[in-house]
């Protein structure tokens, strides 16, 4: 996977939707970088700047951002079922 398609998940350990999203991707063999915004204040600010909110999970694939665990959008973006 090239840098443009790198998948990042901004999450917190106490977010049930974050856990579901990570499990969903893992079950499909999709690799991602997890960024815990509860521990990384700089990442929290970065995602707040990009999305104008502080809700998680936020999925970032290249320059595409999906806020929340929106299965339909994620499947379409990643071309998975």
PDB file of N, CA and C in Angstrom:
ATOM      1  N   UNK A   1       0.852  -1.179   0.000  1.00  0.00           N
ATOM      2  CA  UNK A   1       0.000   0.000   0.000  1.00  0.00           C
ATOM      3  C   UNK A   1       0.894   1.237   0.000  1.00  0.00           C
ATOM      4  N   UNK A   2       0.629   2.145  -0.925  1.00  0.00           N
ATOM      5  CA  UNK A   2       1.465   3.341  -0.967  1.00  0.00           C
ATOM      6  C   UNK A   2       0.959   4.355   0.051  1.00  0.00           C
ATOM      7  N   UNK A   3       1.743   5.414   0.232  1.00  0.00           N
ATOM      8  CA  UNK A   3       1.433   6.421   1.255  1.00  0.00           C
ATOM      9  C   UNK A   3       0.070   7.077   1.023  1.00  0.00           C
ATOM     10  N   UNK A   4      -0.311   7.262  -0.232  1.00  0.00           N
ATOM     11  CA  UNK A   4      -1.587   7.905  -0.545  1.00  0.00           C
ATOM     12  C   UNK A   4      -2.772   7.054  -0.080  1.00  0.00           C
ATOM     13  N   UNK A   5      -2.574   5.735   0.028  1.00  0.00           N
ATOM     14  CA  UNK A   5      -3.649   4.835   0.442  1.00  0.00           C
ATOM     15  C   UNK A   5      -3.506   4.362   1.883  1.00  0.00           C
ATOM     16  N   UNK A   6      -2.574   4.952   2.614  1.00  0.00           N
ATOM     17  CA  UNK A   6      -2.356   4.547   3.992  1.00  0.00           C
ATOM     18  C   UNK A   6      -3.613   4.822   4.815  1.00  0.00           C
ATOM     19  N   UNK A   7      -3.995   3.855   5.631  1.00  0.00           N
ATOM     20  CA  UNK A   7      -5.216   3.970   6.431  1.00  0.00           C
ATOM     21  C   UNK A   7      -4.843   4.305   7.869  1.00  0.00           C
ATOM     22  N   UNK A   8      -5.459   5.362   8.386  1.00  0.00           N
ATOM     23  CA  UNK A   8      -5.271   5.755   9.779  1.00  0.00           C
ATOM     24  C   UNK A   8      -6.634   5.776  10.438  1.00  0.00           C
ATOM     25  N   UNK A   9      -6.666   5.297  11.684  1.00  0.00           N
ATOM     26  CA  UNK A   9      -7.882   5.379  12.474  1.00  0.00           C
ATOM     27  C   UNK A   9      -7.556   6.187  13.725  1.00  0.00           C
ATOM     28  N   UNK A  10      -8.237   7.306  13.861  1.00  0.00           N
ATOM     29  CA  UNK A  10      -8.126   8.116  15.066  1.00  0.00           C
ATOM     30  C   UNK A  10      -9.203   7.611  16.006  1.00  0.00           C
ATOM     31  N   UNK A  11      -8.796   7.203  17.211  1.00  0.00           N
ATOM     32  CA  UNK A  11      -9.737   6.551  18.117  1.00  0.00           C
ATOM     33  C   UNK A  11      -9.376   6.820  19.569  1.00  0.00           C
ATOM     34  N   UNK A  12     -10.214   6.292  20.453  1.00  0.00           N
ATOM     35  CA  UNK A  12      -9.920   6.257  21.882  1.00  0.00           C
ATOM     36  C   UNK A  12     -10.207   4.835  22.363  1.00  0.00           C
ATOM     37  N   UNK A  13      -9.568   4.406  23.434  1.00  0.00           N
ATOM     38  CA  UNK A  13      -9.772   3.030  23.905  1.00  0.00           C
ATOM     39  C   UNK A  13     -11.169   2.788  24.472  1.00  0.00           C
ATOM     40  N   UNK A  14     -11.883   3.832  24.850  1.00  0.00           N
ATOM     41  CA  UNK A  14     -13.198   3.668  25.476  1.00  0.00           C
ATOM     42  C   UNK A  14     -14.354   3.929  24.506  1.00  0.00           C
ATOM     43  N   UNK A  15     -14.067   3.961  23.207  1.00  0.00           N
ATOM     44  CA  UNK A  15     -15.084   4.209  22.186  1.00  0.00           C
ATOM     45  C   UNK A  15     -15.528   2.883  21.558  1.00  0.00           C
ATOM     46  N   UNK A  16     -16.784   2.450  21.776  1.00  0.00           N
ATOM     47  CA  UNK A  16     -17.231   1.166  21.224  1.00  0.00           C
ATOM     48  C   UNK A  16     -17.260   1.146  19.690  1.00  0.00           C
ATOM     49  N   UNK A  17     -17.521   2.286  19.049  1.00  0.00           N
ATOM     50  CA  UNK A  17     -17.529   2.337  17.591  1.00  0.00           C
ATOM     51  C   UNK A  17     -16.117   2.192  17.031  1.00  0.00           C
ATOM     52  N   UNK A  18     -15.141   2.686  17.774  1.00  0.00           N
ATOM     53  CA  UNK A  18     -13.737   2.532  17.369  1.00  0.00           C
ATOM     54  C   UNK A  18     -13.350   1.054  17.384  1.00  0.00           C
ATOM     55  N   UNK A  19     -13.735   0.368  18.445  1.00  0.00           N
ATOM     56  CA  UNK A  19     -13.447  -1.063  18.573  1.00  0.00           C
ATOM     57  C   UNK A  19     -14.107  -1.822  17.419  1.00  0.00           C
ATOM     58  N   UNK A  20     -15.354  -1.495  17.128  1.00  0.00           N
ATOM     59  CA  UNK A  20     -16.082  -2.167  16.041  1.00  0.00           C
ATOM     60  C   UNK A  20     -15.421  -1.914  14.689  1.00  0.00           C
ATOM     61  N   UNK A  21     -14.998  -0.684  14.447  1.00  0.00           N
ATOM     62  CA  UNK A  21     -14.346  -0.347  13.183  1.00  0.00           C
ATOM     63  C   UNK A  21     -13.040  -1.117  13.019  1.00  0.00           C
ATOM     64  N   UNK A  22     -12.228  -1.155  14.065  1.00  0.00           N
ATOM     65  CA  UNK A  22     -10.947  -1.872  13.983  1.00  0.00           C
ATOM     66  C   UNK A  22     -11.173  -3.361  13.746  1.00  0.00           C
ATOM     67  N   UNK A  23     -12.133  -3.945  14.437  1.00  0.00           N
ATOM     68  CA  UNK A  23     -12.460  -5.358  14.256  1.00  0.00           C
ATOM     69  C   UNK A  23     -12.952  -5.618  12.831  1.00  0.00           C
ATOM     70  N   UNK A  24     -13.803  -4.744  12.321  1.00  0.00           N
ATOM     71  CA  UNK A  24     -14.324  -4.834  10.959  1.00  0.00           C
ATOM     72  C   UNK A  24     -13.176  -4.880   9.943  1.00  0.00           C
ATOM     73  N   UNK A  25     -12.203  -3.997  10.085  1.00  0.00           N
ATOM     74  CA  UNK A  25     -11.068  -3.952   9.153  1.00  0.00           C
ATOM     75  C   UNK A  25     -10.152  -5.163   9.336  1.00  0.00           C
ATOM     76  N   UNK A  26      -9.878  -5.530  10.593  1.00  0.00           N
ATOM     77  CA  UNK A  26      -9.014  -6.685  10.867  1.00  0.00           C
ATOM     78  C   UNK A  26      -9.595  -7.964  10.277  1.00  0.00           C
ATOM     79  N   UNK A  27     -10.902  -8.143  10.394  1.00  0.00           N
ATOM     80  CA  UNK A  27     -11.559  -9.343   9.861  1.00  0.00           C
ATOM     81  C   UNK A  27     -11.420  -9.433   8.343  1.00  0.00           C
ATOM     82  N   UNK A  28     -11.211  -8.308   7.701  1.00  0.00           N
ATOM     83  CA  UNK A  28     -11.051  -8.268   6.241  1.00  0.00           C
ATOM     84  C   UNK A  28      -9.587  -8.177   5.821  1.00  0.00           C
ATOM     85  N   UNK A  29      -8.687  -8.306   6.786  1.00  0.00           N
ATOM     86  CA  UNK A  29      -7.255  -8.298   6.489  1.00  0.00           C
ATOM     87  C   UNK A  29      -6.721  -6.937   6.066  1.00  0.00           C
ATOM     88  N   UNK A  30      -7.407  -5.878   6.472  1.00  0.00           N
ATOM     89  CA  UNK A  30      -6.988  -4.537   6.086  1.00  0.00           C
ATOM     90  C   UNK A  30      -6.111  -3.952   7.183  1.00  0.00           C
ATOM     91  N   UNK A  31      -4.909  -3.579   6.809  1.00  0.00           N
ATOM     92  CA  UNK A  31      -3.957  -3.018   7.769  1.00  0.00           C
ATOM     93  C   UNK A  31      -4.219  -1.525   7.933  1.00  0.00           C
ATOM     94  N   UNK A  32      -3.998  -1.056   9.153  1.00  0.00           N
ATOM     95  CA  UNK A  32      -4.214   0.359   9.442  1.00  0.00           C
ATOM     96  C   UNK A  32      -3.304   0.787  10.576  1.00  0.00           C
ATOM     97  N   UNK A  33      -3.110   2.090  10.667  1.00  0.00           N
ATOM     98  CA  UNK A  33      -2.372   2.675  11.776  1.00  0.00           C
ATOM     99  C   UNK A  33      -3.401   3.240  12.741  1.00  0.00           C
ATOM    100  N   UNK A  34      -3.307   2.860  14.006  1.00  0.00           N
ATOM    101  CA  UNK A  34      -4.235   3.365  15.012  1.00  0.00           C
ATOM    102  C   UNK A  34      -3.584   4.521  15.761  1.00  0.00           C
ATOM    103  N   UNK A  35      -4.321   5.609  15.890  1.00  0.00           N
ATOM    104  CA  UNK A  35      -3.824   6.771  16.608  1.00  0.00           C
ATOM    105  C   UNK A  35      -4.796   7.062  17.741  1.00  0.00           C
ATOM    106  N   UNK A  36      -4.307   6.895  18.968  1.00  0.00           N
ATOM    107  CA  UNK A  36      -5.125   7.084  20.165  1.00  0.00           C
ATOM    108  C   UNK A  36      -5.092   8.567  20.538  1.00  0.00           C
ATOM    109  N   UNK A  37      -6.189   9.274  20.248  1.00  0.00           N
ATOM    110  CA  UNK A  37      -6.189  10.715  20.514  1.00  0.00           C
ATOM    111  C   UNK A  37      -6.315  11.033  22.009  1.00  0.00           C
ATOM    112  N   UNK A  38      -6.628  10.030  22.822  1.00  0.00           N
ATOM    113  CA  UNK A  38      -6.655  10.240  24.270  1.00  0.00           C
ATOM    114  C   UNK A  38      -5.227  10.394  24.803  1.00  0.00           C
ATOM    115  N   UNK A  39      -4.262   9.808  24.109  1.00  0.00           N
ATOM    116  CA  UNK A  39      -2.856   9.869  24.519  1.00  0.00           C
ATOM    117  C   UNK A  39      -2.042  10.865  23.697  1.00  0.00           C
ATOM    118  N   UNK A  40      -2.507  11.179  22.499  1.00  0.00           N
ATOM    119  CA  UNK A  40      -1.748  12.006  21.566  1.00  0.00           C
ATOM    120  C   UNK A  40      -2.491  13.323  21.313  1.00  0.00           C
ATOM    121  N   UNK A  41      -2.150  14.330  22.107  1.00  0.00           N
ATOM    122  CA  UNK A  41      -2.839  15.622  22.013  1.00  0.00           C
ATOM    123  C   UNK A  41      -2.638  16.286  20.647  1.00  0.00           C
ATOM    124  N   UNK A  42      -1.453  16.110  20.077  1.00  0.00           N
ATOM    125  CA  UNK A  42      -1.173  16.688  18.753  1.00  0.00           C
ATOM    126  C   UNK A  42      -2.097  16.066  17.698  1.00  0.00           C
ATOM    127  N   UNK A  43      -2.287  14.750  17.760  1.00  0.00           N
ATOM    128  CA  UNK A  43      -3.172  14.058  16.814  1.00  0.00           C
ATOM    129  C   UNK A  43      -4.617  14.498  17.026  1.00  0.00           C
ATOM    130  N   UNK A  44      -5.006  14.709  18.279  1.00  0.00           N
ATOM    131  CA  UNK A  44      -6.369  15.168  18.574  1.00  0.00           C
ATOM    132  C   UNK A  44      -6.604  16.539  17.936  1.00  0.00           C
ATOM    133  N   UNK A  45      -5.625  17.420  18.055  1.00  0.00           N
ATOM    134  CA  UNK A  45      -5.731  18.748  17.439  1.00  0.00           C
ATOM    135  C   UNK A  45      -5.769  18.636  15.912  1.00  0.00           C
ATOM    136  N   UNK A  46      -4.937  17.747  15.369  1.00  0.00           N
ATOM    137  CA  UNK A  46      -4.859  17.547  13.918  1.00  0.00           C
ATOM    138  C   UNK A  46      -6.218  17.094  13.364  1.00  0.00           C
ATOM    139  N   UNK A  47      -6.832  16.124  14.027  1.00  0.00           N
ATOM    140  CA  UNK A  47      -8.106  15.609  13.526  1.00  0.00           C
ATOM    141  C   UNK A  47      -9.220  16.631  13.749  1.00  0.00           C
ATOM    142  N   UNK A  48      -9.120  17.414  14.807  1.00  0.00           N
ATOM    143  CA  UNK A  48     -10.107  18.465  15.043  1.00  0.00           C
ATOM    144  C   UNK A  48     -10.017  19.527  13.943  1.00  0.00           C
ATOM    145  N   UNK A  49      -8.813  19.846  13.524  1.00  0.00           N
ATOM    146  CA  UNK A  49      -8.616  20.811  12.440  1.00  0.00           C
ATOM    147  C   UNK A  49      -9.174  20.265  11.126  1.00  0.00           C
ATOM    148  N   UNK A  50      -8.946  18.985  10.867  1.00  0.00           N
ATOM    149  CA  UNK A  50      -9.398  18.373   9.606  1.00  0.00           C
ATOM    150  C   UNK A  50     -10.911  18.194   9.546  1.00  0.00           C
ATOM    151  N   UNK A  51     -11.547  17.914  10.695  1.00  0.00           N
ATOM    152  CA  UNK A  51     -12.975  17.563  10.687  1.00  0.00           C
ATOM    153  C   UNK A  51     -13.874  18.591  11.369  1.00  0.00           C
ATOM    154  N   UNK A  52     -13.279  19.574  12.028  1.00  0.00           N
ATOM    155  CA  UNK A  52     -14.033  20.568  12.805  1.00  0.00           C
ATOM    156  C   UNK A  52     -14.843  19.937  13.931  1.00  0.00           C
ATOM    157  N   UNK A  53     -14.381  18.800  14.424  1.00  0.00           N
ATOM    158  CA  UNK A  53     -15.032  18.147  15.570  1.00  0.00           C
ATOM    159  C   UNK A  53     -14.015  17.259  16.266  1.00  0.00           C
ATOM    160  N   UNK A  54     -14.394  16.688  17.411  1.00  0.00           N
ATOM    161  CA  UNK A  54     -13.477  15.842  18.169  1.00  0.00           C
ATOM    162  C   UNK A  54     -14.029  14.426  18.323  1.00  0.00           C
ATOM    163  N   UNK A  55     -15.101  14.089  17.577  1.00  0.00           N
ATOM    164  CA  UNK A  55     -15.685  12.749  17.660  1.00  0.00           C
ATOM    165  C   UNK A  55     -14.811  11.695  17.008  1.00  0.00           C
ATOM    166  N   UNK A  56     -14.893  10.486  17.528  1.00  0.00           N
ATOM    167  CA  UNK A  56     -14.171   9.353  16.966  1.00  0.00           C
ATOM    168  C   UNK A  56     -15.162   8.209  16.772  1.00  0.00           C
ATOM    169  N   UNK A  57     -14.869   7.243  15.930  1.00  0.00           N
ATOM    170  CA  UNK A  57     -13.641   7.111  15.152  1.00  0.00           C
ATOM    171  C   UNK A  57     -13.644   8.014  13.920  1.00  0.00           C
ATOM    172  N   UNK A  58     -12.438   8.316  13.486  1.00  0.00           N
ATOM    173  CA  UNK A  58     -12.239   9.009  12.214  1.00  0.00           C
ATOM    174  C   UNK A  58     -11.300   8.137  11.400  1.00  0.00           C
ATOM    175  N   UNK A  59     -11.753   7.770  10.220  1.00  0.00           N
ATOM    176  CA  UNK A  59     -10.971   6.948   9.301  1.00  0.00           C
ATOM    177  C   UNK A  59     -10.397   7.865   8.238  1.00  0.00           C
ATOM    178  N   UNK A  60      -9.091   7.804   8.049  1.00  0.00           N
ATOM    179  CA  UNK A  60      -8.435   8.625   7.040  1.00  0.00           C
ATOM    180  C   UNK A  60      -7.718   7.710   6.055  1.00  0.00           C
ATOM    181  N   UNK A  61      -8.084   7.841   4.785  1.00  0.00           N
ATOM    182  CA  UNK A  61      -7.452   7.054   3.720  1.00  0.00           C
ATOM    183  C   UNK A  61      -6.969   8.063   2.685  1.00  0.00           C
ATOM    184  N   UNK A  62      -5.650   8.283   2.656  1.00  0.00           N
ATOM    185  CA  UNK A  62      -5.127   9.322   1.783  1.00  0.00           C
ATOM    186  C   UNK A  62      -5.716  10.657   2.193  1.00  0.00           C
ATOM    187  N   UNK A  63      -6.403  11.324   1.267  1.00  0.00           N
ATOM    188  CA  UNK A  63      -7.021  12.616   1.589  1.00  0.00           C
ATOM    189  C   UNK A  63      -8.523  12.498   1.868  1.00  0.00           C
ATOM    190  N   UNK A  64      -9.016  11.262   1.955  1.00  0.00           N
ATOM    191  CA  UNK A  64     -10.436  11.017   2.238  1.00  0.00           C
ATOM    192  C   UNK A  64     -10.629  10.780   3.734  1.00  0.00           C
ATOM    193  N   UNK A  65     -11.686  11.370   4.287  1.00  0.00           N
ATOM    194  CA  UNK A  65     -11.975  11.210   5.711  1.00  0.00           C
ATOM    195  C   UNK A  65     -13.418  10.749   5.877  1.00  0.00           C
ATOM    196  N   UNK A  66     -13.591   9.738   6.724  1.00  0.00           N
ATOM    197  CA  UNK A  66     -14.929   9.271   7.089  1.00  0.00           C
ATOM    198  C   UNK A  66     -15.038   9.402   8.607  1.00  0.00           C
ATOM    199  N   UNK A  67     -16.067  10.126   9.035  1.00  0.00           N
ATOM    200  CA  UNK A  67     -16.296  10.327  10.467  1.00  0.00           C
ATOM    201  C   UNK A  67     -17.322   9.298  10.928  1.00  0.00           C
ATOM    202  N   UNK A  68     -16.964   8.568  11.987  1.00  0.00           N
ATOM    203  CA  UNK A  68     -17.861   7.544  12.516  1.00  0.00           C
ATOM    204  C   UNK A  68     -17.664   6.212  11.802  1.00  0.00           C
ATOM    205  N   UNK A  69     -18.337   5.191  12.301  1.00  0.00           N
ATOM    206  CA  UNK A  69     -18.247   3.853  11.706  1.00  0.00           C
ATOM    207  C   UNK A  69     -19.379   3.722  10.704  1.00  0.00           C
ATOM    208  N   UNK A  70     -19.179   4.308   9.526  1.00  0.00           N
ATOM    209  CA  UNK A  70     -20.160   4.283   8.437  1.00  0.00           C
ATOM    210  C   UNK A  70     -19.756   3.165   7.475  1.00  0.00           C
ATOM    211  N   UNK A  71     -20.297   1.969   7.730  1.00  0.00           N
ATOM    212  CA  UNK A  71     -19.909   0.776   6.967  1.00  0.00           C
ATOM    213  C   UNK A  71     -20.042   0.967   5.464  1.00  0.00           C
ATOM    214  N   UNK A  72     -21.141   1.554   5.035  1.00  0.00           N
ATOM    215  CA  UNK A  72     -21.394   1.725   3.603  1.00  0.00           C
ATOM    216  C   UNK A  72     -20.314   2.596   2.954  1.00  0.00           C
ATOM    217  N   UNK A  73     -20.006   3.720   3.561  1.00  0.00           N
ATOM    218  CA  UNK A  73     -18.969   4.614   3.019  1.00  0.00           C
ATOM    219  C   UNK A  73     -17.599   3.953   3.050  1.00  0.00           C
ATOM    220  N   UNK A  74     -17.306   3.239   4.151  1.00  0.00           N
ATOM    221  CA  UNK A  74     -16.004   2.589   4.289  1.00  0.00           C
ATOM    222  C   UNK A  74     -15.832   1.508   3.231  1.00  0.00           C
ATOM    223  N   UNK A  75     -16.853   0.691   3.020  1.00  0.00           N
ATOM    224  CA  UNK A  75     -16.781  -0.372   2.010  1.00  0.00           C
ATOM    225  C   UNK A  75     -16.577   0.219   0.628  1.00  0.00           C
ATOM    226  N   UNK A  76     -17.283   1.289   0.337  1.00  0.00           N
ATOM    227  CA  UNK A  76     -17.168   1.934  -0.977  1.00  0.00           C
ATOM    228  C   UNK A  76     -15.761   2.515  -1.168  1.00  0.00           C
ATOM    229  N   UNK A  77     -15.270   3.227  -0.157  1.00  0.00           N
ATOM    230  CA  UNK A  77     -13.958   3.838  -0.241  1.00  0.00           C
ATOM    231  C   UNK A  77     -12.838   2.798  -0.384  1.00  0.00           C
ATOM    232  N   UNK A  78     -12.935   1.711   0.397  1.00  0.00           N
ATOM    233  CA  UNK A  78     -11.883   0.687   0.398  1.00  0.00           C
ATOM    234  C   UNK A  78     -12.149  -0.428  -0.619  1.00  0.00           C
ATOM    235  N   UNK A  79     -13.287  -0.328  -1.328  1.00  0.00           N
ATOM    236  CA  UNK A  79     -13.668  -1.323  -2.342  1.00  0.00           C
ATOM    237  C   UNK A  79     -13.715  -2.732  -1.728  1.00  0.00           C
ATOM    238  N   UNK A  80     -14.448  -2.851  -0.617  1.00  0.00           N
ATOM    239  CA  UNK A  80     -14.638  -4.142   0.051  1.00  0.00           C
ATOM    240  C   UNK A  80     -16.125  -4.398   0.237  1.00  0.00           C
ATOM    241  N   UNK A  81     -16.464  -5.643   0.561  1.00  0.00           N
ATOM    242  CA  UNK A  81     -17.865  -6.006   0.823  1.00  0.00           C
ATOM    243  C   UNK A  81     -18.090  -6.218   2.289  1.00  0.00           C
TER     244      UNK A  81
END
